[in-house]
Amino acid sequence: MTKTMTSTYDVAEHLRTPEEIATYLEVAIEEADGDAAFIAKALGDVARAKGMSQVAGEAGLSRESLYKALSGERNPTLDTVLRVFGALGLRLRAEAAAVATTSNQGAQTQ
């Protein structure tokens, strides 16, 4: 019987283009359901893909503090998140959330 060799999947090895990175973060934010540590971990994946030392330098942070902030075990400050987004050449945007409609909405009052 032949043995199948497996290796650990690392998403950082597959995040090459700005479009791939933006899509990955968009999906992570949607899937996080408000879990800041989950989003931080996804941002850490992107930082590793770009080179943690480079991102830390461009964000004005030490490499060690960036690793800790984006480990997924902590909730980084908004300042850190904004610095990392800037260092990655990304923009953080706001979008209106979909609002559930009820049958009474839109009904005219008499």
N, C-alpha and C. Protein backbone atom coordinates (compact mmCIF):
# COMPACT_ATOMS: atom_id res chain seq x y z
N MET A 1 0.85 -1.17 0.00
CA MET A 1 0.00 0.00 0.00
C MET A 1 0.91 1.24 0.00
N THR A 2 0.62 2.16 -0.88
CA THR A 2 1.41 3.38 -0.93
C THR A 2 0.90 4.38 0.09
N LYS A 3 1.83 5.10 0.65
CA LYS A 3 1.47 6.12 1.63
C LYS A 3 1.26 7.45 0.92
N THR A 4 0.25 8.13 1.35
CA THR A 4 -0.03 9.46 0.82
C THR A 4 0.67 10.48 1.70
N MET A 5 1.45 11.30 1.07
CA MET A 5 2.14 12.37 1.81
C MET A 5 1.24 13.60 1.86
N THR A 6 1.09 14.15 3.02
CA THR A 6 0.30 15.36 3.18
C THR A 6 1.17 16.45 3.79
N SER A 7 0.74 17.66 3.60
CA SER A 7 1.43 18.78 4.22
C SER A 7 0.39 19.75 4.74
N THR A 8 0.81 20.57 5.65
CA THR A 8 -0.09 21.55 6.23
C THR A 8 -0.41 22.63 5.21
N TYR A 9 -1.67 22.95 5.07
CA TYR A 9 -2.09 23.99 4.14
C TYR A 9 -1.84 25.35 4.78
N ASP A 10 -1.20 26.23 4.05
CA ASP A 10 -0.94 27.59 4.53
C ASP A 10 -1.49 28.56 3.51
N VAL A 11 -2.59 29.21 3.85
CA VAL A 11 -3.24 30.13 2.92
C VAL A 11 -2.30 31.26 2.49
N ALA A 12 -1.36 31.63 3.33
CA ALA A 12 -0.43 32.71 3.00
C ALA A 12 0.37 32.41 1.73
N GLU A 13 0.57 31.13 1.43
CA GLU A 13 1.30 30.76 0.23
C GLU A 13 0.49 30.98 -1.05
N HIS A 14 -0.81 31.25 -0.90
CA HIS A 14 -1.69 31.38 -2.05
C HIS A 14 -2.25 32.79 -2.23
N LEU A 15 -1.84 33.71 -1.39
CA LEU A 15 -2.32 35.09 -1.49
C LEU A 15 -1.25 35.90 -2.22
N ARG A 16 -1.40 36.01 -3.53
CA ARG A 16 -0.36 36.63 -4.34
C ARG A 16 -0.71 38.02 -4.85
N THR A 17 -1.94 38.20 -5.28
CA THR A 17 -2.31 39.47 -5.90
C THR A 17 -3.15 40.32 -4.94
N PRO A 18 -3.19 41.62 -5.17
CA PRO A 18 -4.05 42.47 -4.34
C PRO A 18 -5.52 42.04 -4.38
N GLU A 19 -5.96 41.54 -5.51
CA GLU A 19 -7.35 41.10 -5.64
C GLU A 19 -7.61 39.87 -4.78
N GLU A 20 -6.67 38.92 -4.79
CA GLU A 20 -6.81 37.71 -3.97
C GLU A 20 -6.82 38.08 -2.49
N ILE A 21 -5.96 39.01 -2.12
CA ILE A 21 -5.87 39.44 -0.72
C ILE A 21 -7.17 40.12 -0.29
N ALA A 22 -7.67 41.03 -1.12
CA ALA A 22 -8.90 41.75 -0.79
C ALA A 22 -10.08 40.78 -0.68
N THR A 23 -10.17 39.84 -1.60
CA THR A 23 -11.26 38.86 -1.55
C THR A 23 -11.17 38.00 -0.29
N TYR A 24 -9.96 37.56 0.03
CA TYR A 24 -9.76 36.75 1.23
C TYR A 24 -10.21 37.50 2.48
N LEU A 25 -9.82 38.76 2.60
CA LEU A 25 -10.20 39.54 3.78
C LEU A 25 -11.70 39.83 3.81
N GLU A 26 -12.30 40.09 2.65
CA GLU A 26 -13.75 40.32 2.60
C GLU A 26 -14.51 39.10 3.11
N VAL A 27 -14.11 37.93 2.64
CA VAL A 27 -14.77 36.69 3.07
C VAL A 27 -14.53 36.45 4.56
N ALA A 28 -13.30 36.70 5.01
CA ALA A 28 -12.99 36.50 6.44
C ALA A 28 -13.85 37.41 7.31
N ILE A 29 -14.01 38.65 6.89
CA ILE A 29 -14.82 39.59 7.68
C ILE A 29 -16.27 39.14 7.71
N GLU A 30 -16.79 38.66 6.58
CA GLU A 30 -18.17 38.17 6.53
C GLU A 30 -18.34 36.93 7.42
N GLU A 31 -17.39 36.03 7.37
CA GLU A 31 -17.48 34.78 8.13
C GLU A 31 -17.21 34.96 9.62
N ALA A 32 -16.53 36.04 9.98
CA ALA A 32 -16.12 36.24 11.37
C ALA A 32 -17.30 36.44 12.31
N ASP A 33 -18.38 36.96 11.80
CA ASP A 33 -19.58 37.20 12.62
C ASP A 33 -19.24 37.98 13.90
N GLY A 34 -18.43 39.04 13.72
CA GLY A 34 -18.09 39.90 14.84
C GLY A 34 -16.91 39.45 15.68
N ASP A 35 -16.26 38.38 15.31
CA ASP A 35 -15.12 37.86 16.07
C ASP A 35 -13.85 38.58 15.62
N ALA A 36 -13.41 39.56 16.39
CA ALA A 36 -12.25 40.36 16.04
C ALA A 36 -10.97 39.54 15.94
N ALA A 37 -10.83 38.54 16.79
CA ALA A 37 -9.63 37.69 16.75
C ALA A 37 -9.56 36.90 15.45
N PHE A 38 -10.70 36.48 14.93
CA PHE A 38 -10.76 35.76 13.66
C PHE A 38 -10.28 36.66 12.52
N ILE A 39 -10.74 37.90 12.53
CA ILE A 39 -10.33 38.87 11.51
C ILE A 39 -8.84 39.18 11.66
N ALA A 40 -8.37 39.31 12.88
CA ALA A 40 -6.95 39.56 13.12
C ALA A 40 -6.10 38.42 12.57
N LYS A 41 -6.55 37.19 12.75
CA LYS A 41 -5.82 36.03 12.23
C LYS A 41 -5.75 36.08 10.71
N ALA A 42 -6.85 36.42 10.06
CA ALA A 42 -6.87 36.53 8.60
C ALA A 42 -5.92 37.64 8.13
N LEU A 43 -5.92 38.74 8.85
CA LEU A 43 -5.00 39.83 8.53
C LEU A 43 -3.56 39.38 8.73
N GLY A 44 -3.33 38.55 9.73
CA GLY A 44 -2.01 37.97 9.96
C GLY A 44 -1.58 37.06 8.82
N ASP A 45 -2.54 36.30 8.25
CA ASP A 45 -2.23 35.46 7.09
C ASP A 45 -1.74 36.31 5.93
N VAL A 46 -2.42 37.43 5.72
CA VAL A 46 -2.05 38.33 4.62
C VAL A 46 -0.69 38.96 4.89
N ALA A 47 -0.45 39.37 6.13
CA ALA A 47 0.84 39.97 6.48
C ALA A 47 1.97 38.96 6.26
N ARG A 48 1.74 37.69 6.61
CA ARG A 48 2.76 36.67 6.38
C ARG A 48 3.00 36.48 4.89
N ALA A 49 1.93 36.55 4.09
CA ALA A 49 2.07 36.39 2.64
C ALA A 49 2.92 37.51 2.05
N LYS A 50 2.79 38.71 2.59
CA LYS A 50 3.54 39.85 2.09
C LYS A 50 4.93 39.96 2.72
N GLY A 51 5.12 39.29 3.84
CA GLY A 51 6.38 39.37 4.58
C GLY A 51 6.15 40.18 5.85
N MET A 52 6.12 39.49 6.96
CA MET A 52 5.78 40.13 8.24
C MET A 52 6.73 41.28 8.57
N SER A 53 8.01 41.11 8.32
CA SER A 53 8.97 42.18 8.63
C SER A 53 8.70 43.42 7.79
N GLN A 54 8.41 43.20 6.51
CA GLN A 54 8.13 44.33 5.62
C GLN A 54 6.86 45.06 6.06
N VAL A 55 5.81 44.31 6.34
CA VAL A 55 4.54 44.91 6.75
C VAL A 55 4.72 45.66 8.08
N ALA A 56 5.43 45.05 9.02
CA ALA A 56 5.66 45.69 10.30
C ALA A 56 6.40 47.02 10.11
N GLY A 57 7.43 47.00 9.29
CA GLY A 57 8.20 48.23 9.05
C GLY A 57 7.35 49.32 8.43
N GLU A 58 6.55 48.95 7.43
CA GLU A 58 5.69 49.93 6.76
C GLU A 58 4.56 50.42 7.66
N ALA A 59 4.17 49.59 8.61
CA ALA A 59 3.10 49.97 9.54
C ALA A 59 3.64 50.73 10.75
N GLY A 60 4.96 50.78 10.86
CA GLY A 60 5.56 51.48 12.01
C GLY A 60 5.46 50.69 13.30
N LEU A 61 5.47 49.36 13.19
CA LEU A 61 5.35 48.48 14.35
C LEU A 61 6.53 47.52 14.36
N SER A 62 6.82 46.96 15.52
CA SER A 62 7.85 45.93 15.57
C SER A 62 7.27 44.62 15.04
N ARG A 63 8.10 43.80 14.49
CA ARG A 63 7.68 42.52 13.96
C ARG A 63 7.04 41.66 15.04
N GLU A 64 7.64 41.67 16.23
CA GLU A 64 7.11 40.86 17.33
C GLU A 64 5.72 41.31 17.76
N SER A 65 5.54 42.63 17.86
CA SER A 65 4.22 43.12 18.29
C SER A 65 3.17 42.86 17.21
N LEU A 66 3.59 42.89 15.95
CA LEU A 66 2.64 42.60 14.87
C LEU A 66 2.24 41.12 14.90
N TYR A 67 3.21 40.23 15.11
CA TYR A 67 2.89 38.81 15.25
C TYR A 67 1.88 38.59 16.37
N LYS A 68 2.12 39.21 17.51
CA LYS A 68 1.21 39.04 18.65
C LYS A 68 -0.18 39.59 18.34
N ALA A 69 -0.23 40.79 17.74
CA ALA A 69 -1.51 41.43 17.46
C ALA A 69 -2.34 40.64 16.46
N LEU A 70 -1.66 39.98 15.51
CA LEU A 70 -2.37 39.28 14.44
C LEU A 70 -2.34 37.76 14.59
N SER A 71 -2.08 37.29 15.80
CA SER A 71 -1.99 35.86 16.04
C SER A 71 -3.36 35.17 16.06
N GLY A 72 -4.41 35.94 16.27
CA GLY A 72 -5.74 35.35 16.42
C GLY A 72 -6.07 35.05 17.87
N GLU A 73 -5.12 35.31 18.76
CA GLU A 73 -5.34 35.10 20.18
C GLU A 73 -5.68 36.39 20.90
N ARG A 74 -5.57 37.50 20.19
CA ARG A 74 -5.83 38.81 20.78
C ARG A 74 -6.72 39.62 19.84
N ASN A 75 -7.26 40.69 20.37
CA ASN A 75 -8.01 41.63 19.55
C ASN A 75 -7.14 42.87 19.36
N PRO A 76 -6.60 43.07 18.17
CA PRO A 76 -5.73 44.23 17.95
C PRO A 76 -6.54 45.52 18.03
N THR A 77 -5.84 46.61 18.31
CA THR A 77 -6.51 47.90 18.34
C THR A 77 -6.87 48.32 16.93
N LEU A 78 -7.82 49.22 16.82
CA LEU A 78 -8.19 49.75 15.51
C LEU A 78 -7.00 50.45 14.87
N ASP A 79 -6.19 51.11 15.67
CA ASP A 79 -5.00 51.78 15.16
C ASP A 79 -4.08 50.77 14.48
N THR A 80 -3.86 49.63 15.09
CA THR A 80 -3.02 48.59 14.50
C THR A 80 -3.62 48.08 13.21
N VAL A 81 -4.91 47.81 13.21
CA VAL A 81 -5.59 47.31 12.01
C VAL A 81 -5.46 48.32 10.87
N LEU A 82 -5.68 49.58 11.16
CA LEU A 82 -5.58 50.61 10.12
C LEU A 82 -4.15 50.74 9.59
N ARG A 83 -3.18 50.64 10.47
CA ARG A 83 -1.78 50.69 10.04
C ARG A 83 -1.44 49.52 9.13
N VAL A 84 -1.92 48.34 9.49
CA VAL A 84 -1.63 47.15 8.67
C VAL A 84 -2.33 47.26 7.32
N PHE A 85 -3.58 47.68 7.32
CA PHE A 85 -4.28 47.87 6.06
C PHE A 85 -3.50 48.83 5.16
N GLY A 86 -3.05 49.93 5.73
CA GLY A 86 -2.26 50.90 4.96
C GLY A 86 -0.97 50.30 4.44
N ALA A 87 -0.28 49.55 5.27
CA ALA A 87 0.98 48.92 4.87
C ALA A 87 0.76 47.89 3.76
N LEU A 88 -0.41 47.29 3.72
CA LEU A 88 -0.73 46.31 2.70
C LEU A 88 -1.29 46.95 1.44
N GLY A 89 -1.47 48.26 1.47
CA GLY A 89 -2.03 48.94 0.30
C GLY A 89 -3.52 48.71 0.16
N LEU A 90 -4.18 48.49 1.28
CA LEU A 90 -5.62 48.24 1.28
C LEU A 90 -6.36 49.39 1.95
N ARG A 91 -7.64 49.50 1.65
CA ARG A 91 -8.51 50.47 2.32
C ARG A 91 -9.59 49.72 3.07
N LEU A 92 -9.90 50.20 4.25
CA LEU A 92 -11.00 49.64 5.03
C LEU A 92 -12.23 50.47 4.70
N ARG A 93 -13.30 49.82 4.26
CA ARG A 93 -14.51 50.53 3.85
C ARG A 93 -15.70 50.10 4.68
N ALA A 94 -16.66 50.98 4.74
CA ALA A 94 -17.92 50.67 5.40
C ALA A 94 -18.98 50.44 4.33
N GLU A 95 -19.88 49.53 4.62
CA GLU A 95 -20.95 49.20 3.69
C GLU A 95 -22.22 49.02 4.51
N ALA A 96 -23.31 49.50 4.00
CA ALA A 96 -24.58 49.34 4.70
C ALA A 96 -24.93 47.86 4.80
N ALA A 97 -25.31 47.45 5.98
CA ALA A 97 -25.70 46.06 6.19
C ALA A 97 -27.10 45.84 5.63
N ALA A 98 -27.35 44.66 5.15
CA ALA A 98 -28.68 44.33 4.66
C ALA A 98 -29.63 44.31 5.85
N VAL A 99 -30.75 44.96 5.71
CA VAL A 99 -31.73 45.03 6.78
C VAL A 99 -32.89 44.11 6.44
N ALA A 100 -33.25 43.27 7.39
CA ALA A 100 -34.40 42.38 7.18
C ALA A 100 -35.67 43.20 7.08
N THR A 101 -36.48 42.88 6.11
CA THR A 101 -37.74 43.60 5.96
C THR A 101 -38.87 42.78 6.57
N THR A 102 -39.86 43.47 7.07
CA THR A 102 -41.03 42.80 7.59
C THR A 102 -42.22 43.16 6.72
N SER A 103 -43.27 42.44 6.84
CA SER A 103 -44.44 42.70 6.00
C SER A 103 -45.07 44.05 6.31
N ASN A 104 -44.80 44.62 7.50
CA ASN A 104 -45.37 45.91 7.87
C ASN A 104 -44.56 47.08 7.32
N GLN A 105 -43.31 46.85 6.96
CA GLN A 105 -42.53 47.95 6.40
C GLN A 105 -43.07 48.28 5.03
N GLY A 106 -43.13 49.55 4.77
CA GLY A 106 -43.61 50.00 3.47
C GLY A 106 -45.12 50.14 3.42
N ALA A 107 -45.80 49.64 4.44
CA ALA A 107 -47.25 49.80 4.47
C ALA A 107 -47.58 51.23 4.82
N GLN A 108 -48.58 51.77 4.14
CA GLN A 108 -48.96 53.16 4.39
C GLN A 108 -49.86 53.22 5.62
N THR A 109 -49.69 54.30 6.38
CA THR A 109 -50.57 54.50 7.53
C THR A 109 -51.80 55.23 7.07
N GLN A 110 -52.89 54.95 7.70
CA GLN A 110 -54.16 55.58 7.29
C GLN A 110 -54.64 56.54 8.29
